[in-house]
C-alpha atoms as a PDB file:
ATOM      1  CA  MET A   1       0.000   0.000   0.000  1.00  0.00           C
ATOM      2  CA  LYS A   2       1.259   3.464  -0.893  1.00  0.00           C
ATOM      3  CA  LYS A   3       2.149   5.771   1.982  1.00  0.00           C
ATOM      4  CA  THR A   4      -0.792   8.023   2.825  1.00  0.00           C
ATOM      5  CA  ALA A   5      -1.131  11.298   4.723  1.00  0.00           C
ATOM      6  CA  PHE A   6      -4.300  12.762   6.252  1.00  0.00           C
ATOM      7  CA  LEU A   7      -4.865  16.530   5.996  1.00  0.00           C
ATOM      8  CA  TYR A   8      -7.281  18.440   8.257  1.00  0.00           C
ATOM      9  CA  PRO A   9      -8.595  21.891   7.239  1.00  0.00           C
ATOM     10  CA  GLY A  10      -8.582  25.067   9.288  1.00  0.00           C
ATOM     11  CA  VAL A  11     -10.832  28.089   9.642  1.00  0.00           C
ATOM     12  CA  GLY A  12     -11.654  29.449   6.205  1.00  0.00           C
ATOM     13  CA  SER A  13     -12.759  26.045   4.932  1.00  0.00           C
ATOM     14  CA  HIS A  14     -15.988  26.213   6.940  1.00  0.00           C
ATOM     15  CA  HIS A  15     -19.270  27.134   5.284  1.00  0.00           C
ATOM     16  CA  ALA A  16     -22.997  26.895   5.903  1.00  0.00           C
ATOM     17  CA  GLN A  17     -24.427  23.367   5.551  1.00  0.00           C
ATOM     18  CA  MET A  18     -20.936  21.837   5.632  1.00  0.00           C
ATOM     19  CA  GLY A  19     -21.124  18.084   6.082  1.00  0.00           C
ATOM     20  CA  LYS A  20     -24.922  17.941   5.819  1.00  0.00           C
ATOM     21  CA  GLU A  21     -25.001  15.324   3.064  1.00  0.00           C
ATOM     22  CA  LEU A  22     -22.588  13.070   4.958  1.00  0.00           C
ATOM     23  CA  TYR A  23     -24.602  13.607   8.143  1.00  0.00           C
ATOM     24  CA  GLU A  24     -27.780  12.477   6.408  1.00  0.00           C
ATOM     25  CA  ASP A  25     -26.154   9.507   4.658  1.00  0.00           C
ATOM     26  CA  PHE A  26     -23.923   7.957   7.333  1.00  0.00           C
ATOM     27  CA  ASP A  27     -24.705   6.962  10.904  1.00  0.00           C
ATOM     28  CA  ILE A  28     -21.076   7.315  12.004  1.00  0.00           C
ATOM     29  CA  ILE A  29     -21.196  11.032  11.151  1.00  0.00           C
ATOM     30  CA  ARG A  30     -24.443  11.493  13.099  1.00  0.00           C
ATOM     31  CA  HIS A  31     -23.111   9.532  16.078  1.00  0.00           C
ATOM     32  CA  THR A  32     -19.938  11.637  16.165  1.00  0.00           C
ATOM     33  CA  PHE A  33     -21.980  14.849  16.141  1.00  0.00           C
ATOM     34  CA  GLU A  34     -24.163  13.457  18.933  1.00  0.00           C
ATOM     35  CA  GLU A  35     -21.103  12.438  20.956  1.00  0.00           C
ATOM     36  CA  ALA A  36     -19.675  15.935  20.575  1.00  0.00           C
ATOM     37  CA  SER A  37     -22.958  17.576  21.538  1.00  0.00           C
ATOM     38  CA  ASP A  38     -23.419  15.337  24.586  1.00  0.00           C
ATOM     39  CA  SER A  39     -19.928  16.074  25.913  1.00  0.00           C
ATOM     40  CA  SER A  40     -19.983  19.820  25.271  1.00  0.00           C
ATOM     41  CA  HIS A  41     -23.694  20.703  25.517  1.00  0.00           C
ATOM     42  CA  ILE A  42     -23.412  22.385  22.103  1.00  0.00           C
ATOM     43  CA  ASP A  43     -25.820  21.386  19.319  1.00  0.00           C
ATOM     44  CA  PHE A  44     -23.345  20.998  16.478  1.00  0.00           C
ATOM     45  CA  ALA A  45     -25.926  19.767  13.983  1.00  0.00           C
ATOM     46  CA  LYS A  46     -27.990  22.890  14.567  1.00  0.00           C
ATOM     47  CA  MET A  47     -24.882  25.059  14.368  1.00  0.00           C
ATOM     48  CA  CYS A  48     -23.858  23.613  11.005  1.00  0.00           C
ATOM     49  CA  PHE A  49     -27.190  22.905   9.319  1.00  0.00           C
ATOM     50  CA  ALA A  50     -30.127  24.850  10.754  1.00  0.00           C
ATOM     51  CA  PRO A  51     -30.833  28.301   9.276  1.00  0.00           C
ATOM     52  CA  PRO A  52     -30.022  30.993  10.007  1.00  0.00           C
ATOM     53  CA  ASN A  53     -26.542  29.580  10.571  1.00  0.00           C
ATOM     54  CA  GLU A  54     -24.152  31.735   8.534  1.00  0.00           C
ATOM     55  CA  SER A  55     -23.637  34.342  11.271  1.00  0.00           C
ATOM     56  CA  VAL A  56     -23.420  31.739  14.042  1.00  0.00           C
ATOM     57  CA  LEU A  57     -20.977  29.521  12.188  1.00  0.00           C
ATOM     58  CA  GLY A  58     -18.957  32.576  11.194  1.00  0.00           C
ATOM     59  CA  GLN A  59     -18.044  33.329  14.816  1.00  0.00           C
ATOM     60  CA  LEU A  60     -14.472  32.185  15.444  1.00  0.00           C
ATOM     61  CA  ILE A  61     -15.242  30.030  18.474  1.00  0.00           C
ATOM     62  CA  ASN A  62     -18.049  28.238  16.604  1.00  0.00           C
ATOM     63  CA  SER A  63     -16.252  27.739  13.300  1.00  0.00           C
ATOM     64  CA  GLN A  64     -13.261  26.204  15.079  1.00  0.00           C
ATOM     65  CA  SER A  65     -15.211  23.690  17.150  1.00  0.00           C
ATOM     66  CA  ALA A  66     -17.567  22.806  14.269  1.00  0.00           C
ATOM     67  CA  LEU A  67     -14.620  22.135  11.951  1.00  0.00           C
ATOM     68  CA  LEU A  68     -12.991  19.935  14.560  1.00  0.00           C
ATOM     69  CA  VAL A  69     -16.160  17.866  15.038  1.00  0.00           C
ATOM     70  CA  LEU A  70     -16.780  17.457  11.312  1.00  0.00           C
ATOM     71  CA  SER A  71     -13.149  16.541  10.559  1.00  0.00           C
ATOM     72  CA  VAL A  72     -13.077  13.918  13.307  1.00  0.00           C
ATOM     73  CA  ALA A  73     -16.389  12.525  12.045  1.00  0.00           C
ATOM     74  CA  VAL A  74     -15.100  12.355   8.454  1.00  0.00           C
ATOM     75  CA  ASN A  75     -11.876  10.750   9.690  1.00  0.00           C
ATOM     76  CA  ARG A  76     -13.938   7.987  11.352  1.00  0.00           C
ATOM     77  CA  LEU A  77     -16.001   7.532   8.203  1.00  0.00           C
ATOM     78  CA  PHE A  78     -12.897   7.193   6.027  1.00  0.00           C
ATOM     79  CA  LEU A  79     -11.335   4.610   8.317  1.00  0.00           C
ATOM     80  CA  ARG A  80     -14.555   2.554   8.395  1.00  0.00           C
ATOM     81  CA  GLU A  81     -15.385   2.733   4.688  1.00  0.00           C
ATOM     82  CA  VAL A  82     -11.911   2.797   3.127  1.00  0.00           C
ATOM     83  CA  GLY A  83      -9.796   1.255   5.888  1.00  0.00           C
ATOM     84  CA  ILE A  84      -6.472   2.876   4.975  1.00  0.00           C
ATOM     85  CA  ASN A  85      -4.447   4.189   7.916  1.00  0.00           C
ATOM     86  CA  PRO A  86      -2.144   7.186   7.467  1.00  0.00           C
ATOM     87  CA  GLU A  87       1.602   7.227   7.659  1.00  0.00           C
ATOM     88  CA  TYR A  88       1.425  10.867   8.763  1.00  0.00           C
ATOM     89  CA  ALA A  89      -1.182  13.518   9.554  1.00  0.00           C
ATOM     90  CA  MET A  90      -1.145  17.288   9.594  1.00  0.00           C
ATOM     91  CA  GLY A  91      -3.716  20.031   9.974  1.00  0.00           C
ATOM     92  CA  TYR A  92      -3.787  23.669   9.006  1.00  0.00           C
ATOM     93  CA  SER A  93      -3.899  25.868  12.144  1.00  0.00           C
ATOM     94  CA  LEU A  94      -7.103  24.705  13.882  1.00  0.00           C
ATOM     95  CA  GLY A  95      -6.775  21.502  11.838  1.00  0.00           C
ATOM     96  CA  GLU A  96      -3.733  20.533  13.901  1.00  0.00           C
ATOM     97  CA  TYR A  97      -6.141  19.803  16.753  1.00  0.00           C
ATOM     98  CA  SER A  98      -8.218  17.575  14.472  1.00  0.00           C
ATOM     99  CA  ALA A  99      -5.021  15.721  13.545  1.00  0.00           C
ATOM    100  CA  LEU A 100      -3.953  15.305  17.186  1.00  0.00           C
ATOM    101  CA  CYS A 101      -7.432  14.114  18.159  1.00  0.00           C
ATOM    102  CA  SER A 102      -7.612  11.623  15.274  1.00  0.00           C
ATOM    103  CA  ALA A 103      -4.163  10.315  16.247  1.00  0.00           C
ATOM    104  CA  GLY A 104      -5.391   9.745  19.816  1.00  0.00           C
ATOM    105  CA  VAL A 105      -3.115  12.362  21.364  1.00  0.00           C
ATOM    106  CA  ILE A 106      -6.052  14.398  22.711  1.00  0.00           C
ATOM    107  CA  SER A 107      -9.382  12.809  23.586  1.00  0.00           C
ATOM    108  CA  PHE A 108     -12.391  13.953  21.581  1.00  0.00           C
ATOM    109  CA  PRO A 109     -14.106  15.721  24.525  1.00  0.00           C
ATOM    110  CA  ASP A 110     -10.837  17.391  25.554  1.00  0.00           C
ATOM    111  CA  SER A 111     -10.214  18.486  21.953  1.00  0.00           C
ATOM    112  CA  ILE A 112     -13.558  20.282  21.862  1.00  0.00           C
ATOM    113  CA  LYS A 113     -12.861  21.955  25.221  1.00  0.00           C
ATOM    114  CA  LEU A 114      -9.390  23.055  24.144  1.00  0.00           C
ATOM    115  CA  VAL A 115     -10.584  24.430  20.821  1.00  0.00           C
ATOM    116  CA  ASN A 116     -13.373  26.352  22.556  1.00  0.00           C
ATOM    117  CA  GLN A 117     -10.934  27.822  25.071  1.00  0.00           C
ATOM    118  CA  ARG A 118      -8.516  28.666  22.261  1.00  0.00           C
ATOM    119  CA  GLY A 119     -11.296  30.317  20.290  1.00  0.00           C
ATOM    120  CA  LYS A 120     -12.348  32.497  23.232  1.00  0.00           C
ATOM    121  CA  LEU A 121      -8.789  33.660  23.858  1.00  0.00           C
ATOM    122  CA  LEU A 122      -8.163  34.420  20.189  1.00  0.00           C
ATOM    123  CA  ASN A 123     -11.472  36.228  19.865  1.00  0.00           C
ATOM    124  CA  ASP A 124     -10.757  38.349  22.960  1.00  0.00           C
ATOM    125  CA  ALA A 125      -7.260  39.131  21.678  1.00  0.00           C
ATOM    126  CA  ALA A 126      -8.596  40.076  18.249  1.00  0.00           C
ATOM    127  CA  GLU A 127     -11.174  42.424  19.769  1.00  0.00           C
ATOM    128  CA  SER A 128      -8.484  44.175  21.820  1.00  0.00           C
ATOM    129  CA  MET A 129      -6.411  45.183  18.778  1.00  0.00           C
ATOM    130  CA  VAL A 130      -6.987  46.362  15.212  1.00  0.00           C
ATOM    131  CA  GLY A 131      -5.300  43.505  13.421  1.00  0.00           C
ATOM    132  CA  ILE A 132      -6.069  41.504  10.287  1.00  0.00           C
ATOM    133  CA  MET A 133      -4.604  38.917   7.898  1.00  0.00           C
ATOM    134  CA  ALA A 134      -4.228  38.773   4.117  1.00  0.00           C
ATOM    135  CA  TRP A 135      -3.306  36.157   1.540  1.00  0.00           C
ATOM    136  CA  VAL A 136      -0.357  36.979  -0.695  1.00  0.00           C
ATOM    137  CA  ILE A 137      -0.434  35.078  -3.981  1.00  0.00           C
ATOM    138  CA  ASN A 138       1.811  35.026  -7.049  1.00  0.00           C
ATOM    139  CA  LEU A 139       4.941  36.262  -5.279  1.00  0.00           C
ATOM    140  CA  ASP A 140       7.899  34.250  -4.001  1.00  0.00           C
ATOM    141  CA  THR A 141       7.650  33.886  -0.226  1.00  0.00           C
ATOM    142  CA  GLN A 142      11.265  35.018   0.237  1.00  0.00           C
ATOM    143  CA  ILE A 143      10.382  38.341  -1.392  1.00  0.00           C
ATOM    144  CA  VAL A 144       7.306  38.642   0.846  1.00  0.00           C
ATOM    145  CA  GLU A 145       9.484  37.998   3.896  1.00  0.00           C
ATOM    146  CA  LYS A 146      12.064  40.575   2.761  1.00  0.00           C
ATOM    147  CA  ILE A 147       9.402  43.260   2.259  1.00  0.00           C
ATOM    148  CA  CYS A 148       7.887  42.507   5.679  1.00  0.00           C
ATOM    149  CA  ILE A 149      11.297  42.787   7.370  1.00  0.00           C
ATOM    150  CA  GLU A 150      12.018  46.098   5.632  1.00  0.00           C
ATOM    151  CA  SER A 151       8.549  47.368   6.543  1.00  0.00           C
ATOM    152  CA  ARG A 152       9.040  46.494  10.218  1.00  0.00           C
ATOM    153  CA  GLU A 153      12.285  48.495  10.163  1.00  0.00           C
ATOM    154  CA  GLU A 154      10.171  51.399   8.918  1.00  0.00           C
ATOM    155  CA  GLY A 155       7.843  50.995  11.907  1.00  0.00           C
ATOM    156  CA  HIS A 156       5.055  48.868  10.425  1.00  0.00           C
ATOM    157  CA  GLU A 157       3.731  46.003  12.565  1.00  0.00           C
ATOM    158  CA  ILE A 158       3.659  43.280   9.898  1.00  0.00           C
ATOM    159  CA  PHE A 159       4.665  39.596   9.819  1.00  0.00           C
ATOM    160  CA  VAL A 160       4.569  36.598   7.500  1.00  0.00           C
ATOM    161  CA  SER A 161       2.009  34.316   9.168  1.00  0.00           C
ATOM    162  CA  ALA A 162       2.076  31.324   6.803  1.00  0.00           C
ATOM    163  CA  TYR A 163       4.338  29.840   4.158  1.00  0.00           C
ATOM    164  CA  ASP A 164       1.818  27.853   2.130  1.00  0.00           C
ATOM    165  CA  ALA A 165       3.484  27.262  -1.236  1.00  0.00           C
ATOM    166  CA  PRO A 166       6.456  28.633  -3.205  1.00  0.00           C
ATOM    167  CA  LYS A 167       4.350  31.605  -4.310  1.00  0.00           C
ATOM    168  CA  GLN A 168       1.609  31.715  -1.695  1.00  0.00           C
ATOM    169  CA  SER A 169       1.814  33.037   1.835  1.00  0.00           C
ATOM    170  CA  SER A 170      -0.176  35.093   4.299  1.00  0.00           C
ATOM    171  CA  ILE A 171       0.656  38.165   6.336  1.00  0.00           C
ATOM    172  CA  SER A 172      -0.616  39.373   9.706  1.00  0.00           C
ATOM    173  CA  GLY A 173      -0.387  42.747  11.368  1.00  0.00           C
ATOM    174  CA  SER A 174      -2.150  45.936  12.301  1.00  0.00           C
ATOM    175  CA  LYS A 175      -4.850  46.901   9.819  1.00  0.00           C
ATOM    176  CA  ASP A 176      -2.918  49.930   8.583  1.00  0.00           C
ATOM    177  CA  ALA A 177       0.266  47.899   8.188  1.00  0.00           C
ATOM    178  CA  VAL A 178      -1.427  45.114   6.234  1.00  0.00           C
ATOM    179  CA  PHE A 179      -2.932  47.597   3.775  1.00  0.00           C
ATOM    180  CA  THR A 180       0.267  49.651   3.477  1.00  0.00           C
ATOM    181  CA  VAL A 181       2.532  46.633   3.005  1.00  0.00           C
ATOM    182  CA  GLY A 182      -0.109  44.998   0.831  1.00  0.00           C
ATOM    183  CA  ARG A 183       0.313  47.840  -1.662  1.00  0.00           C
ATOM    184  CA  LYS A 184       4.090  47.300  -1.655  1.00  0.00           C
ATOM    185  CA  LEU A 185       3.564  43.603  -2.325  1.00  0.00           C
ATOM    186  CA  GLU A 186       1.186  44.378  -5.185  1.00  0.00           C
ATOM    187  CA  GLN A 187       3.819  46.678  -6.694  1.00  0.00           C
ATOM    188  CA  ALA A 188       6.211  43.712  -6.527  1.00  0.00           C
ATOM    189  CA  GLY A 189       3.739  41.566  -8.486  1.00  0.00           C
ATOM    190  CA  ALA A 190       1.590  39.973  -5.775  1.00  0.00           C
ATOM    191  CA  ILE A 191      -2.151  39.527  -5.619  1.00  0.00           C
ATOM    192  CA  VAL A 192      -3.273  40.432  -2.074  1.00  0.00           C
ATOM    193  CA  TYR A 193      -6.591  39.287  -0.593  1.00  0.00           C
ATOM    194  CA  PRO A 194      -7.618  40.502   2.884  1.00  0.00           C
ATOM    195  CA  LEU A 195      -9.000  37.576   4.910  1.00  0.00           C
ATOM    196  CA  LYS A 196     -12.202  37.642   6.904  1.00  0.00           C
ATOM    197  CA  LEU A 197     -10.300  36.604  10.040  1.00  0.00           C
ATOM    198  CA  SER A 198     -10.384  39.516  12.484  1.00  0.00           C
ATOM    199  CA  GLY A 199      -6.990  39.216  14.104  1.00  0.00           C
ATOM    200  CA  PRO A 200      -3.236  39.086  13.387  1.00  0.00           C
ATOM    201  CA  PHE A 201      -3.041  35.343  13.980  1.00  0.00           C
ATOM    202  CA  HIS A 202       0.144  33.260  13.806  1.00  0.00           C
ATOM    203  CA  SER A 203       2.302  36.241  14.680  1.00  0.00           C
ATOM    204  CA  ILE A 204       4.073  37.581  17.762  1.00  0.00           C
ATOM    205  CA  MET A 205       1.146  39.994  18.196  1.00  0.00           C
ATOM    206  CA  MET A 206      -0.749  37.029  19.694  1.00  0.00           C
ATOM    207  CA  LYS A 207       1.860  36.438  22.416  1.00  0.00           C
ATOM    208  CA  SER A 208      -0.361  37.438  25.336  1.00  0.00           C
ATOM    209  CA  ALA A 209      -3.153  35.119  24.209  1.00  0.00           C
ATOM    210  CA  GLY A 210      -0.571  32.420  23.551  1.00  0.00           C
ATOM    211  CA  GLU A 211       0.849  32.647  27.079  1.00  0.00           C
ATOM    212  CA  GLN A 212      -2.658  32.365  28.549  1.00  0.00           C
ATOM    213  CA  PHE A 213      -3.399  29.361  26.361  1.00  0.00           C
ATOM    214  CA  LYS A 214      -0.117  27.701  27.346  1.00  0.00           C
ATOM    215  CA  THR A 215      -1.274  27.764  30.975  1.00  0.00           C
ATOM    216  CA  ILE A 216      -4.535  26.101  29.912  1.00  0.00           C
ATOM    217  CA  LEU A 217      -2.717  23.438  27.882  1.00  0.00           C
ATOM    218  CA  GLN A 218      -0.604  22.500  30.897  1.00  0.00           C
ATOM    219  CA  GLN A 219      -3.777  21.395  32.690  1.00  0.00           C
ATOM    220  CA  TYR A 220      -4.456  18.634  30.143  1.00  0.00           C
ATOM    221  CA  SER A 221      -2.946  15.176  29.698  1.00  0.00           C
ATOM    222  CA  PHE A 222      -1.929  13.779  26.323  1.00  0.00           C
ATOM    223  CA  ASN A 223      -1.374  10.305  24.881  1.00  0.00           C
ATOM    224  CA  PRO A 224       1.201   8.835  22.492  1.00  0.00           C
ATOM    225  CA  PRO A 225       0.015   9.169  18.862  1.00  0.00           C
ATOM    226  CA  THR A 226      -1.165   6.187  16.848  1.00  0.00           C
ATOM    227  CA  PHE A 227       0.529   7.843  13.850  1.00  0.00           C
ATOM    228  CA  PRO A 228       2.949  10.798  13.606  1.00  0.00           C
ATOM    229  CA  VAL A 229       1.471  14.304  13.505  1.00  0.00           C
ATOM    230  CA  ILE A 230       3.424  17.064  11.759  1.00  0.00           C
ATOM    231  CA  ALA A 231       3.532  20.375  13.630  1.00  0.00           C
ATOM    232  CA  ASN A 232       2.697  23.698  11.966  1.00  0.00           C
ATOM    233  CA  TYR A 233       5.457  25.374  13.955  1.00  0.00           C
ATOM    234  CA  SER A 234       8.347  23.194  12.753  1.00  0.00           C
ATOM    235  CA  GLY A 235       7.090  21.335   9.674  1.00  0.00           C
ATOM    236  CA  LEU A 236       8.294  18.147  11.400  1.00  0.00           C
ATOM    237  CA  PRO A 237       6.592  15.389  13.424  1.00  0.00           C
ATOM    238  CA  TYR A 238       5.923  16.052  17.089  1.00  0.00           C
ATOM    239  CA  ASP A 239       8.515  14.819  19.526  1.00  0.00           C
ATOM    240  CA  VAL A 240       6.113  12.978  21.820  1.00  0.00           C
ATOM    241  CA  ALA A 241       8.557  12.019  24.531  1.00  0.00           C
ATOM    242  CA  SER A 242       6.750  14.330  26.966  1.00  0.00           C
ATOM    243  CA  ASN A 243       3.641  16.468  27.344  1.00  0.00           C
ATOM    244  CA  ASN A 244       5.872  19.531  27.025  1.00  0.00           C
ATOM    245  CA  SER A 245       6.278  18.846  23.305  1.00  0.00           C
ATOM    246  CA  ILE A 246       2.514  19.048  22.767  1.00  0.00           C
ATOM    247  CA  VAL A 247       2.147  22.155  24.941  1.00  0.00           C
ATOM    248  CA  ASN A 248       5.074  23.983  23.371  1.00  0.00           C
ATOM    249  CA  ASN A 249       4.126  23.210  19.787  1.00  0.00           C
ATOM    250  CA  LEU A 250       0.520  24.349  20.256  1.00  0.00           C
ATOM    251  CA  PHE A 251       1.708  27.503  22.028  1.00  0.00           C
ATOM    252  CA  LEU A 252       4.344  28.274  19.404  1.00  0.00           C
ATOM    253  CA  GLN A 253       1.816  27.653  16.623  1.00  0.00           C
ATOM    254  CA  LEU A 254      -0.140  30.709  17.809  1.00  0.00           C
ATOM    255  CA  ILE A 255       2.754  33.165  17.646  1.00  0.00           C
ATOM    256  CA  ASN A 256       4.771  31.854  14.686  1.00  0.00           C
ATOM    257  CA  PRO A 257       4.045  31.349  10.981  1.00  0.00           C
ATOM    258  CA  ILE A 258       2.556  28.094   9.709  1.00  0.00           C
ATOM    259  CA  LEU A 259       5.244  26.169   7.817  1.00  0.00           C
ATOM    260  CA  TRP A 260       2.853  24.347   5.486  1.00  0.00           C
ATOM    261  CA  LYS A 261       5.268  24.109   2.554  1.00  0.00           C
ATOM    262  CA  ASN A 262       7.914  22.634   4.849  1.00  0.00           C
ATOM    263  CA  SER A 263       5.365  20.086   6.060  1.00  0.00           C
ATOM    264  CA  ILE A 264       4.562  19.023   2.500  1.00  0.00           C
ATOM    265  CA  ASP A 265       8.273  18.810   1.714  1.00  0.00           C
ATOM    266  CA  PHE A 266       8.579  16.437   4.684  1.00  0.00           C
ATOM    267  CA  LEU A 267       5.828  14.223   3.235  1.00  0.00           C
ATOM    268  CA  ILE A 268       7.558  14.123  -0.158  1.00  0.00           C
ATOM    269  CA  ASN A 269      10.958  13.348   1.360  1.00  0.00           C
ATOM    270  CA  ASN A 270       9.436  10.485   3.357  1.00  0.00           C
ATOM    271  CA  GLY A 271       7.775   8.772   0.434  1.00  0.00           C
ATOM    272  CA  VAL A 272       4.137   9.821   0.837  1.00  0.00           C
ATOM    273  CA  GLU A 273       2.264   9.292  -2.451  1.00  0.00           C
ATOM    274  CA  ILE A 274      -1.383   9.839  -1.420  1.00  0.00           C
ATOM    275  CA  ALA A 275      -3.001  12.600   0.657  1.00  0.00           C
ATOM    276  CA  VAL A 276      -6.622  12.745   1.790  1.00  0.00           C
ATOM    277  CA  GLU A 277      -8.198  15.987   3.030  1.00  0.00           C
ATOM    278  CA  LEU A 278     -10.770  15.134   5.703  1.00  0.00           C
ATOM    279  CA  GLY A 279     -13.293  17.938   6.014  1.00  0.00           C
ATOM    280  CA  PRO A 280     -15.231  20.579   4.095  1.00  0.00           C
ATOM    281  CA  ASP A 281     -14.163  22.411   0.957  1.00  0.00           C
ATOM    282  CA  LYS A 282     -10.992  21.534  -0.947  1.00  0.00           C
ATOM    283  CA  VAL A 283      -8.611  24.255   0.252  1.00  0.00           C
ATOM    284  CA  LEU A 284      -5.811  21.901   1.318  1.00  0.00           C
ATOM    285  CA  LYS A 285      -6.146  19.739  -1.791  1.00  0.00           C
ATOM    286  CA  HIS A 286      -5.611  22.777  -4.016  1.00  0.00           C
ATOM    287  CA  LEU A 287      -2.798  24.005  -1.777  1.00  0.00           C
ATOM    288  CA  LEU A 288      -0.998  20.688  -2.010  1.00  0.00           C
ATOM    289  CA  LEU A 289      -1.266  20.761  -5.805  1.00  0.00           C
ATOM    290  CA  LYS A 290       0.415  24.202  -5.748  1.00  0.00           C
ATOM    291  CA  ASN A 291       3.359  22.595  -3.995  1.00  0.00           C
ATOM    292  CA  THR A 292       3.842  19.325  -5.844  1.00  0.00           C
ATOM    293  CA  PRO A 293       2.382  17.049  -8.532  1.00  0.00           C
ATOM    294  CA  ARG A 294       4.009  14.033  -6.883  1.00  0.00           C
ATOM    295  CA  ILE A 295       1.277  13.343  -4.311  1.00  0.00           C
ATOM    296  CA  GLN A 296      -2.125  12.110  -5.512  1.00  0.00           C
ATOM    297  CA  THR A 297      -4.651  14.134  -3.544  1.00  0.00           C
ATOM    298  CA  PHE A 298      -8.279  13.531  -2.577  1.00  0.00           C
ATOM    299  CA  SER A 299     -10.772  15.551  -0.552  1.00  0.00           C
ATOM    300  CA  LEU A 300     -13.607  13.974   1.457  1.00  0.00           C
ATOM    301  CA  GLY A 301     -16.435  16.417   2.162  1.00  0.00           C
ATOM    302  CA  SER A 302     -19.409  14.760   0.497  1.00  0.00           C
ATOM    303  CA  THR A 303     -20.906  11.346  -0.309  1.00  0.00           C
ATOM    304  CA  GLY A 304     -19.782  11.759  -3.912  1.00  0.00           C
ATOM    305  CA  ASP A 305     -16.219  12.351  -2.738  1.00  0.00           C
ATOM    306  CA  LEU A 306     -16.291   9.090  -0.778  1.00  0.00           C
ATOM    307  CA  LYS A 307     -17.444   7.155  -3.847  1.00  0.00           C
ATOM    308  CA  LYS A 308     -14.597   8.608  -5.922  1.00  0.00           C
ATOM    309  CA  ILE A 309     -12.028   7.827  -3.233  1.00  0.00           C
ATOM    310  CA  THR A 310     -13.289   4.265  -2.882  1.00  0.00           C
ATOM    311  CA  GLU A 311     -13.125   3.712  -6.630  1.00  0.00           C
ATOM    312  CA  LYS A 312      -9.625   5.129  -6.914  1.00  0.00           C
ATOM    313  CA  LEU A 313      -8.034   3.603  -3.819  1.00  0.00           C
ATOM    314  CA  LEU A 314      -9.830   0.287  -3.422  1.00  0.00           C
ATOM    315  CA  LEU A 315     -11.121  -0.767  -6.824  1.00  0.00           C
ATOM    316  CA  ASN A 316      -8.094   0.077  -9.003  1.00  0.00           C
END
């Protein structure tokens, strides 16, 4: 069997009615939603499916926990219906919690609690400052980094917050800085899209929230993974010799850029040939294709997706 990696999406992949078809078609999806609702006293089915849900699901704390629940549910469905275990797993930002939960590092109820606590802290931090994020496309990430460094020397509070692909990144900073530096990046050939996220996430501007969350993380216990999970912070698998590795990586993830390209490079260098995105939309599938043609990529967010995956992976 070819080496396989599981990918778990982050905030930005969520949307109204996400997972509804799978929820209606598969009992394991419904049972996972019910398990999550029973443990957290949050009606996740109502949050995701019942109108009006766009404004509710759009709140950071809700989108994070709903994505976690759906990704874990889809992970369970894939394992039951397809039966292929991953060699590695990695998740984008919030998706790292889905990966750690699916690998057994964090229990499902604890994962929901942690993500809710994380969401509250990030939301409070975002409301206390005028900070935003933006995608930067069509410009080499080294040039983006150089312009951000030069802009900080000029007094602008701006940081690279993700290295997604050779010519795709994101920046975080104060609103004025993002727009000012965004114009510089456009002059250098970039396409800049402001993100809906209302905070300068994955930058040192989140240090206070990160320190508070680190204290919360230290109150939890973690288990050895059933398969290696690649950390956003380092682009390498977690060192799971102690709980400190989990705590430090999840803390550092909040205040440092996401090294997604490095993580994909690790998969390539370790012989991964198949990747499956477990969750709504196809953001990570498209992002992987921007990095390499060497990994065959699937996305599981609907019943039709599952049929295609089954045909490709089991029937060929």
